[in-house]
Amino acid sequence: MIGHMSATEEDQQVLDRLQLRYQRVEESLAEEIARGRRSPGSRLPPERALAEHFGVSRVTMRRALAELERSGVVSRDARGWLVAGSRIGEPPNELMSFSEMAASRGLTPRARVLGTRVRPATIDEAETLGLAPGAPLFELQRLRLMDDVPILIDRSSVPLALAPDLVEIDFSSASLYSVLEERHGLRPSRARFSVEAVAADEHQAALLDLQPGEPLLRCQQLSEDETGRPIELCEMVYRGDRYRFRATLVRAGSGSAEGPDGLG
């Protein structure tokens, strides 16, 4: 007696073959990424090229990519697919410099100085920092990278009277927090922090390898020393896919413990 396979069984076998195919592609691409052949933040080839590379259809390739996106291995933007970088963020309730945060993750921090200048404090800045309006501020603007992946743009403003030699320092390699503490005894110990979502403008998008209009997190931070004296105002603009904000919230009447992931 010759057995015949039902249409349902045939369909199931086709589905099983398709599933095995996309899973093989998913595993192979994940292995390439894990071995460091494709670095975090790097762009993947177009879907058509990837499908040819793995010898599968674009439908199968797209399914494999979707699964990798779900597991956080790859991400997608307006221009295509890229290797996902782990989102950075400080441990709750801990204030860390960018260099300290990178080192704690075994990553190499790098800074590209976009500009430095001495300028008068605005009325709002003077009030926040406890200065006379027009008092001189040292302003430092940098693009910050981890393992050569752009993470954020920051702009720090420090009262010049607290650290007059800041204008002489190369901040492409030096940490602002380290300079303040080691040279001037100003140890940032607390920060008031706020965060909001904004859209990238053309300048920000170009620096952070984004398209204009893509999401950013803009953070405002006021750092204080151990006596509560304000020592730095900082605005940080993070890529939305490379930063995680965490905080500890305490119910009223139980004390307070604020823990933003701000960087100085």
C-alpha atoms as a PDB file:
ATOM      1  CA  MET A   1       0.000   0.000   0.000  1.00  0.00           C
ATOM      2  CA  ILE A   2       1.454   3.363  -1.030  1.00  0.00           C
ATOM      3  CA  GLY A   3       0.979   6.139   1.493  1.00  0.00           C
ATOM      4  CA  HIS A   4       0.162   9.655   0.355  1.00  0.00           C
ATOM      5  CA  MET A   5       1.061  12.778   2.255  1.00  0.00           C
ATOM      6  CA  SER A   6      -1.831  15.056   2.980  1.00  0.00           C
ATOM      7  CA  ALA A   7      -1.787  18.713   1.957  1.00  0.00           C
ATOM      8  CA  THR A   8      -1.639  19.659   5.634  1.00  0.00           C
ATOM      9  CA  GLU A   9       1.462  17.543   6.184  1.00  0.00           C
ATOM     10  CA  GLU A  10       3.125  18.989   3.090  1.00  0.00           C
ATOM     11  CA  ASP A  11       2.390  22.518   4.256  1.00  0.00           C
ATOM     12  CA  GLN A  12       3.837  21.715   7.681  1.00  0.00           C
ATOM     13  CA  GLN A  13       7.029  20.376   6.132  1.00  0.00           C
ATOM     14  CA  VAL A  14       7.407  23.541   4.051  1.00  0.00           C
ATOM     15  CA  LEU A  15       6.933  25.691   7.154  1.00  0.00           C
ATOM     16  CA  ASP A  16       9.471  23.588   9.068  1.00  0.00           C
ATOM     17  CA  ARG A  17      12.033  24.002   6.283  1.00  0.00           C
ATOM     18  CA  LEU A  18      11.472  27.767   6.205  1.00  0.00           C
ATOM     19  CA  GLN A  19      11.797  27.980   9.971  1.00  0.00           C
ATOM     20  CA  LEU A  20      15.050  26.024   9.956  1.00  0.00           C
ATOM     21  CA  ARG A  21      16.382  28.267   7.196  1.00  0.00           C
ATOM     22  CA  TYR A  22      15.753  31.597   8.932  1.00  0.00           C
ATOM     23  CA  GLN A  23      16.986  30.177  12.233  1.00  0.00           C
ATOM     24  CA  ARG A  24      20.259  29.120  10.595  1.00  0.00           C
ATOM     25  CA  VAL A  25      20.669  32.609   9.153  1.00  0.00           C
ATOM     26  CA  GLU A  26      19.775  34.186  12.505  1.00  0.00           C
ATOM     27  CA  GLU A  27      22.355  32.049  14.312  1.00  0.00           C
ATOM     28  CA  SER A  28      25.069  32.643  11.712  1.00  0.00           C
ATOM     29  CA  LEU A  29      24.655  36.426  11.744  1.00  0.00           C
ATOM     30  CA  ALA A  30      24.490  36.525  15.557  1.00  0.00           C
ATOM     31  CA  GLU A  31      27.721  34.489  15.651  1.00  0.00           C
ATOM     32  CA  GLU A  32      29.454  36.917  13.283  1.00  0.00           C
ATOM     33  CA  ILE A  33      28.457  39.807  15.525  1.00  0.00           C
ATOM     34  CA  ALA A  34      29.490  37.970  18.718  1.00  0.00           C
ATOM     35  CA  ARG A  35      32.934  37.254  17.271  1.00  0.00           C
ATOM     36  CA  GLY A  36      33.457  40.948  16.659  1.00  0.00           C
ATOM     37  CA  ARG A  37      33.329  40.811  12.894  1.00  0.00           C
ATOM     38  CA  ARG A  38      30.685  43.525  13.009  1.00  0.00           C
ATOM     39  CA  SER A  39      31.225  46.166  15.699  1.00  0.00           C
ATOM     40  CA  PRO A  40      28.379  47.813  17.727  1.00  0.00           C
ATOM     41  CA  GLY A  41      26.835  50.704  15.827  1.00  0.00           C
ATOM     42  CA  SER A  42      28.174  49.544  12.451  1.00  0.00           C
ATOM     43  CA  ARG A  43      25.751  49.329   9.559  1.00  0.00           C
ATOM     44  CA  LEU A  44      24.811  46.003   8.069  1.00  0.00           C
ATOM     45  CA  PRO A  45      24.743  45.562   4.275  1.00  0.00           C
ATOM     46  CA  PRO A  46      21.340  46.002   2.581  1.00  0.00           C
ATOM     47  CA  GLU A  47      18.862  43.143   2.943  1.00  0.00           C
ATOM     48  CA  ARG A  48      19.404  42.063  -0.671  1.00  0.00           C
ATOM     49  CA  ALA A  49      23.174  41.764  -0.137  1.00  0.00           C
ATOM     50  CA  LEU A  50      22.696  39.899   3.153  1.00  0.00           C
ATOM     51  CA  ALA A  51      20.254  37.484   1.510  1.00  0.00           C
ATOM     52  CA  GLU A  52      22.801  36.751  -1.245  1.00  0.00           C
ATOM     53  CA  HIS A  53      25.560  36.329   1.347  1.00  0.00           C
ATOM     54  CA  PHE A  54      23.576  33.696   3.252  1.00  0.00           C
ATOM     55  CA  GLY A  55      22.000  32.159   0.146  1.00  0.00           C
ATOM     56  CA  VAL A  56      18.387  32.742   1.161  1.00  0.00           C
ATOM     57  CA  SER A  57      15.423  34.770  -0.042  1.00  0.00           C
ATOM     58  CA  ARG A  58      14.833  38.317   1.163  1.00  0.00           C
ATOM     59  CA  VAL A  59      11.700  37.103   2.982  1.00  0.00           C
ATOM     60  CA  THR A  60      13.802  34.629   4.977  1.00  0.00           C
ATOM     61  CA  MET A  61      16.490  37.251   5.594  1.00  0.00           C
ATOM     62  CA  ARG A  62      13.921  39.765   6.797  1.00  0.00           C
ATOM     63  CA  ARG A  63      12.467  37.198   9.235  1.00  0.00           C
ATOM     64  CA  ALA A  64      15.927  36.435  10.637  1.00  0.00           C
ATOM     65  CA  LEU A  65      16.642  40.145  11.102  1.00  0.00           C
ATOM     66  CA  ALA A  66      13.290  40.658  12.817  1.00  0.00           C
ATOM     67  CA  GLU A  67      14.125  37.892  15.304  1.00  0.00           C
ATOM     68  CA  LEU A  68      17.556  39.391  15.968  1.00  0.00           C
ATOM     69  CA  GLU A  69      15.918  42.771  16.515  1.00  0.00           C
ATOM     70  CA  ARG A  70      13.564  41.232  19.056  1.00  0.00           C
ATOM     71  CA  SER A  71      16.512  39.777  20.945  1.00  0.00           C
ATOM     72  CA  GLY A  72      18.385  43.092  20.898  1.00  0.00           C
ATOM     73  CA  VAL A  73      21.250  41.989  18.620  1.00  0.00           C
ATOM     74  CA  VAL A  74      20.432  44.377  15.773  1.00  0.00           C
ATOM     75  CA  SER A  75      18.361  47.525  15.449  1.00  0.00           C
ATOM     76  CA  ARG A  76      16.760  49.404  12.593  1.00  0.00           C
ATOM     77  CA  ASP A  77      16.547  53.057  11.600  1.00  0.00           C
ATOM     78  CA  ALA A  78      15.460  55.025   8.539  1.00  0.00           C
ATOM     79  CA  ARG A  79      18.563  53.941   6.617  1.00  0.00           C
ATOM     80  CA  GLY A  80      18.470  50.215   7.329  1.00  0.00           C
ATOM     81  CA  TRP A  81      19.890  47.711   9.794  1.00  0.00           C
ATOM     82  CA  LEU A  82      22.813  48.122  12.186  1.00  0.00           C
ATOM     83  CA  VAL A  83      24.474  46.199  14.983  1.00  0.00           C
ATOM     84  CA  ALA A  84      22.862  47.209  18.258  1.00  0.00           C
ATOM     85  CA  GLY A  85      25.108  48.721  20.896  1.00  0.00           C
ATOM     86  CA  SER A  86      24.291  48.044  24.532  1.00  0.00           C
ATOM     87  CA  ARG A  87      22.620  51.092  26.064  1.00  0.00           C
ATOM     88  CA  ILE A  88      24.738  52.911  28.561  1.00  0.00           C
ATOM     89  CA  GLY A  89      23.539  54.169  31.911  1.00  0.00           C
ATOM     90  CA  GLU A  90      24.952  54.534  35.372  1.00  0.00           C
ATOM     91  CA  PRO A  91      24.018  52.293  38.285  1.00  0.00           C
ATOM     92  CA  PRO A  92      21.042  53.921  40.049  1.00  0.00           C
ATOM     93  CA  ASN A  93      21.997  56.637  42.546  1.00  0.00           C
ATOM     94  CA  GLU A  94      25.616  56.838  41.366  1.00  0.00           C
ATOM     95  CA  LEU A  95      27.150  59.913  39.740  1.00  0.00           C
ATOM     96  CA  MET A  96      29.928  58.982  37.321  1.00  0.00           C
ATOM     97  CA  SER A  97      31.973  60.758  34.694  1.00  0.00           C
ATOM     98  CA  PHE A  98      31.787  59.539  31.108  1.00  0.00           C
ATOM     99  CA  SER A  99      35.338  58.144  31.399  1.00  0.00           C
ATOM    100  CA  GLU A 100      34.479  56.278  34.606  1.00  0.00           C
ATOM    101  CA  MET A 101      31.332  54.820  33.054  1.00  0.00           C
ATOM    102  CA  ALA A 102      33.230  53.581  29.994  1.00  0.00           C
ATOM    103  CA  ALA A 103      35.982  52.043  32.127  1.00  0.00           C
ATOM    104  CA  SER A 104      33.422  50.239  34.300  1.00  0.00           C
ATOM    105  CA  ARG A 105      32.166  48.486  31.149  1.00  0.00           C
ATOM    106  CA  GLY A 106      35.587  47.693  29.723  1.00  0.00           C
ATOM    107  CA  LEU A 107      35.108  50.228  26.928  1.00  0.00           C
ATOM    108  CA  THR A 108      37.485  52.890  25.653  1.00  0.00           C
ATOM    109  CA  PRO A 109      36.211  56.468  26.052  1.00  0.00           C
ATOM    110  CA  ARG A 110      37.141  59.114  23.542  1.00  0.00           C
ATOM    111  CA  ALA A 111      36.264  62.777  23.187  1.00  0.00           C
ATOM    112  CA  ARG A 112      36.338  65.070  20.204  1.00  0.00           C
ATOM    113  CA  VAL A 113      36.456  68.671  21.335  1.00  0.00           C
ATOM    114  CA  LEU A 114      33.977  70.692  19.301  1.00  0.00           C
ATOM    115  CA  GLY A 115      34.823  74.004  20.920  1.00  0.00           C
ATOM    116  CA  THR A 116      35.990  75.843  24.045  1.00  0.00           C
ATOM    117  CA  ARG A 117      35.512  79.469  25.048  1.00  0.00           C
ATOM    118  CA  VAL A 118      35.223  81.861  27.956  1.00  0.00           C
ATOM    119  CA  ARG A 119      31.953  83.791  27.965  1.00  0.00           C
ATOM    120  CA  PRO A 120      29.765  85.758  30.389  1.00  0.00           C
ATOM    121  CA  ALA A 121      27.080  83.891  32.324  1.00  0.00           C
ATOM    122  CA  THR A 122      23.507  84.623  31.349  1.00  0.00           C
ATOM    123  CA  ILE A 123      21.091  85.810  34.029  1.00  0.00           C
ATOM    124  CA  ASP A 124      19.585  82.330  34.361  1.00  0.00           C
ATOM    125  CA  GLU A 125      22.989  80.652  34.543  1.00  0.00           C
ATOM    126  CA  ALA A 126      24.214  83.160  37.116  1.00  0.00           C
ATOM    127  CA  GLU A 127      21.169  82.531  39.306  1.00  0.00           C
ATOM    128  CA  THR A 128      21.583  78.736  39.048  1.00  0.00           C
ATOM    129  CA  LEU A 129      25.314  78.809  39.765  1.00  0.00           C
ATOM    130  CA  GLY A 130      25.145  81.503  42.449  1.00  0.00           C
ATOM    131  CA  LEU A 131      27.189  84.013  40.436  1.00  0.00           C
ATOM    132  CA  ALA A 132      26.900  87.647  39.475  1.00  0.00           C
ATOM    133  CA  PRO A 133      25.308  88.121  36.037  1.00  0.00           C
ATOM    134  CA  GLY A 134      28.056  88.305  33.451  1.00  0.00           C
ATOM    135  CA  ALA A 135      30.615  86.401  35.559  1.00  0.00           C
ATOM    136  CA  PRO A 136      33.019  84.474  33.304  1.00  0.00           C
ATOM    137  CA  LEU A 137      32.231  80.837  32.502  1.00  0.00           C
ATOM    138  CA  PHE A 138      34.479  78.296  30.824  1.00  0.00           C
ATOM    139  CA  GLU A 139      32.411  76.453  28.216  1.00  0.00           C
ATOM    140  CA  LEU A 140      33.465  73.084  26.781  1.00  0.00           C
ATOM    141  CA  GLN A 141      31.582  71.241  24.049  1.00  0.00           C
ATOM    142  CA  ARG A 142      32.499  67.667  23.119  1.00  0.00           C
ATOM    143  CA  LEU A 143      31.348  64.681  21.097  1.00  0.00           C
ATOM    144  CA  ARG A 144      31.695  61.624  23.362  1.00  0.00           C
ATOM    145  CA  LEU A 145      32.377  58.139  22.023  1.00  0.00           C
ATOM    146  CA  MET A 146      32.778  54.649  23.470  1.00  0.00           C
ATOM    147  CA  ASP A 147      34.903  52.254  21.407  1.00  0.00           C
ATOM    148  CA  ASP A 148      34.617  54.851  18.610  1.00  0.00           C
ATOM    149  CA  VAL A 149      30.786  54.665  18.659  1.00  0.00           C
ATOM    150  CA  PRO A 150      29.209  58.142  19.051  1.00  0.00           C
ATOM    151  CA  ILE A 151      27.073  58.306  22.193  1.00  0.00           C
ATOM    152  CA  LEU A 152      26.370  61.942  23.038  1.00  0.00           C
ATOM    153  CA  ILE A 153      27.186  65.615  22.604  1.00  0.00           C
ATOM    154  CA  ASP A 154      27.756  67.530  25.824  1.00  0.00           C
ATOM    155  CA  ARG A 155      28.239  71.196  26.683  1.00  0.00           C
ATOM    156  CA  SER A 156      29.686  71.951  30.134  1.00  0.00           C
ATOM    157  CA  SER A 157      29.867  75.398  31.726  1.00  0.00           C
ATOM    158  CA  VAL A 158      32.084  75.929  34.806  1.00  0.00           C
ATOM    159  CA  PRO A 159      32.614  79.194  36.737  1.00  0.00           C
ATOM    160  CA  LEU A 160      36.081  80.300  35.657  1.00  0.00           C
ATOM    161  CA  ALA A 161      36.875  81.592  39.136  1.00  0.00           C
ATOM    162  CA  LEU A 162      36.738  77.996  40.443  1.00  0.00           C
ATOM    163  CA  ALA A 163      39.261  76.640  37.928  1.00  0.00           C
ATOM    164  CA  PRO A 164      41.071  79.351  35.945  1.00  0.00           C
ATOM    165  CA  ASP A 165      43.420  76.881  34.198  1.00  0.00           C
ATOM    166  CA  LEU A 166      40.650  74.974  32.359  1.00  0.00           C
ATOM    167  CA  VAL A 167      41.397  77.013  29.236  1.00  0.00           C
ATOM    168  CA  GLU A 168      44.874  75.417  29.067  1.00  0.00           C
ATOM    169  CA  ILE A 169      43.825  71.758  29.235  1.00  0.00           C
ATOM    170  CA  ASP A 170      43.401  69.331  26.314  1.00  0.00           C
ATOM    171  CA  PHE A 171      39.994  67.787  26.983  1.00  0.00           C
ATOM    172  CA  SER A 172      40.257  65.379  24.071  1.00  0.00           C
ATOM    173  CA  SER A 173      42.066  63.112  26.569  1.00  0.00           C
ATOM    174  CA  ALA A 174      41.454  64.694  29.997  1.00  0.00           C
ATOM    175  CA  SER A 175      38.330  64.110  32.114  1.00  0.00           C
ATOM    176  CA  LEU A 176      36.679  67.311  33.305  1.00  0.00           C
ATOM    177  CA  TYR A 177      35.634  65.696  36.601  1.00  0.00           C
ATOM    178  CA  SER A 178      39.194  64.441  37.229  1.00  0.00           C
ATOM    179  CA  VAL A 179      40.671  67.884  36.530  1.00  0.00           C
ATOM    180  CA  LEU A 180      38.204  69.597  38.865  1.00  0.00           C
ATOM    181  CA  GLU A 181      38.873  67.125  41.666  1.00  0.00           C
ATOM    182  CA  GLU A 182      42.625  66.578  41.328  1.00  0.00           C
ATOM    183  CA  ARG A 183      43.702  70.137  40.549  1.00  0.00           C
ATOM    184  CA  HIS A 184      41.113  72.178  42.420  1.00  0.00           C
ATOM    185  CA  GLY A 185      39.658  69.940  45.102  1.00  0.00           C
ATOM    186  CA  LEU A 186      36.193  70.217  43.539  1.00  0.00           C
ATOM    187  CA  ARG A 187      34.638  66.775  43.788  1.00  0.00           C
ATOM    188  CA  PRO A 188      31.258  66.482  42.031  1.00  0.00           C
ATOM    189  CA  SER A 189      29.199  64.586  44.576  1.00  0.00           C
ATOM    190  CA  ARG A 190      25.593  65.293  43.647  1.00  0.00           C
ATOM    191  CA  ALA A 191      23.681  66.311  40.529  1.00  0.00           C
ATOM    192  CA  ARG A 192      20.225  67.735  39.881  1.00  0.00           C
ATOM    193  CA  PHE A 193      19.047  66.130  36.668  1.00  0.00           C
ATOM    194  CA  SER A 194      16.212  66.446  34.161  1.00  0.00           C
ATOM    195  CA  VAL A 195      15.575  64.649  30.886  1.00  0.00           C
ATOM    196  CA  GLU A 196      13.290  65.168  27.899  1.00  0.00           C
ATOM    197  CA  ALA A 197      12.838  63.664  24.446  1.00  0.00           C
ATOM    198  CA  VAL A 198      13.708  65.855  21.451  1.00  0.00           C
ATOM    199  CA  ALA A 199      14.250  65.426  17.711  1.00  0.00           C
ATOM    200  CA  ALA A 200      17.750  65.630  16.248  1.00  0.00           C
ATOM    201  CA  ASP A 201      18.553  68.726  14.221  1.00  0.00           C
ATOM    202  CA  GLU A 202      20.891  68.537  11.203  1.00  0.00           C
ATOM    203  CA  HIS A 203      24.045  69.353  13.190  1.00  0.00           C
ATOM    204  CA  GLN A 204      23.309  66.839  15.957  1.00  0.00           C
ATOM    205  CA  ALA A 205      22.308  64.158  13.454  1.00  0.00           C
ATOM    206  CA  ALA A 206      25.572  64.521  11.525  1.00  0.00           C
ATOM    207  CA  LEU A 207      27.684  64.181  14.682  1.00  0.00           C
ATOM    208  CA  LEU A 208      25.726  61.230  16.097  1.00  0.00           C
ATOM    209  CA  ASP A 209      25.346  59.336  12.797  1.00  0.00           C
ATOM    210  CA  LEU A 210      21.576  59.814  12.653  1.00  0.00           C
ATOM    211  CA  GLN A 211      18.979  61.211  10.300  1.00  0.00           C
ATOM    212  CA  PRO A 212      17.493  64.634  11.177  1.00  0.00           C
ATOM    213  CA  GLY A 213      14.336  64.127  13.204  1.00  0.00           C
ATOM    214  CA  GLU A 214      15.424  60.879  14.852  1.00  0.00           C
ATOM    215  CA  PRO A 215      14.901  60.715  18.647  1.00  0.00           C
ATOM    216  CA  LEU A 216      17.381  62.074  21.177  1.00  0.00           C
ATOM    217  CA  LEU A 217      17.374  62.374  24.951  1.00  0.00           C
ATOM    218  CA  ARG A 218      18.344  65.839  26.143  1.00  0.00           C
ATOM    219  CA  CYS A 219      19.540  65.976  29.730  1.00  0.00           C
ATOM    220  CA  GLN A 220      20.198  69.034  31.884  1.00  0.00           C
ATOM    221  CA  GLN A 221      22.511  68.556  34.857  1.00  0.00           C
ATOM    222  CA  LEU A 222      23.643  70.821  37.682  1.00  0.00           C
ATOM    223  CA  SER A 223      26.582  69.267  39.568  1.00  0.00           C
ATOM    224  CA  GLU A 224      27.419  70.266  43.145  1.00  0.00           C
ATOM    225  CA  ASP A 225      30.450  69.597  45.330  1.00  0.00           C
ATOM    226  CA  GLU A 226      30.333  68.040  48.797  1.00  0.00           C
ATOM    227  CA  THR A 227      29.338  71.366  50.380  1.00  0.00           C
ATOM    228  CA  GLY A 228      26.395  71.813  48.002  1.00  0.00           C
ATOM    229  CA  ARG A 229      28.154  74.519  45.960  1.00  0.00           C
ATOM    230  CA  PRO A 230      27.193  74.447  42.248  1.00  0.00           C
ATOM    231  CA  ILE A 231      30.299  73.774  40.145  1.00  0.00           C
ATOM    232  CA  GLU A 232      29.051  72.804  36.679  1.00  0.00           C
ATOM    233  CA  LEU A 233      26.080  73.184  34.382  1.00  0.00           C
ATOM    234  CA  CYS A 234      25.897  70.599  31.626  1.00  0.00           C
ATOM    235  CA  GLU A 235      23.566  69.869  28.724  1.00  0.00           C
ATOM    236  CA  MET A 236      23.892  66.384  27.240  1.00  0.00           C
ATOM    237  CA  VAL A 237      22.216  65.113  24.091  1.00  0.00           C
ATOM    238  CA  TYR A 238      22.208  61.321  23.775  1.00  0.00           C
ATOM    239  CA  ARG A 239      21.241  59.068  20.903  1.00  0.00           C
ATOM    240  CA  GLY A 240      17.891  57.660  21.987  1.00  0.00           C
ATOM    241  CA  ASP A 241      18.969  54.084  21.223  1.00  0.00           C
ATOM    242  CA  ARG A 242      22.220  54.288  23.213  1.00  0.00           C
ATOM    243  CA  TYR A 243      21.228  55.605  26.602  1.00  0.00           C
ATOM    244  CA  ARG A 244      19.003  54.302  29.380  1.00  0.00           C
ATOM    245  CA  PHE A 245      17.695  56.563  32.141  1.00  0.00           C
ATOM    246  CA  ARG A 246      17.214  54.939  35.524  1.00  0.00           C
ATOM    247  CA  ALA A 247      16.127  56.421  38.825  1.00  0.00           C
ATOM    248  CA  THR A 248      15.054  55.256  42.271  1.00  0.00           C
ATOM    249  CA  LEU A 249      11.662  56.644  43.229  1.00  0.00           C
ATOM    250  CA  VAL A 250      10.645  56.886  46.892  1.00  0.00           C
ATOM    251  CA  ARG A 251       7.111  57.387  48.141  1.00  0.00           C
ATOM    252  CA  ALA A 252       6.548  60.739  49.888  1.00  0.00           C
ATOM    253  CA  GLY A 253       7.188  60.522  53.608  1.00  0.00           C
ATOM    254  CA  SER A 254       9.756  57.733  53.231  1.00  0.00           C
ATOM    255  CA  GLY A 255      12.808  59.934  52.637  1.00  0.00           C
ATOM    256  CA  SER A 256      14.231  60.757  49.256  1.00  0.00           C
ATOM    257  CA  ALA A 257      16.743  59.099  46.953  1.00  0.00           C
ATOM    258  CA  GLU A 258      17.187  60.458  43.495  1.00  0.00           C
ATOM    259  CA  GLY A 259      19.294  58.474  41.080  1.00  0.00           C
ATOM    260  CA  PRO A 260      19.540  59.787  37.544  1.00  0.00           C
ATOM    261  CA  ASP A 261      22.079  58.439  35.073  1.00  0.00           C
ATOM    262  CA  GLY A 262      23.648  61.830  34.392  1.00  0.00           C
ATOM    263  CA  LEU A 263      27.217  62.299  33.139  1.00  0.00           C
ATOM    264  CA  GLY A 264      29.663  65.041  33.838  1.00  0.00           C
END
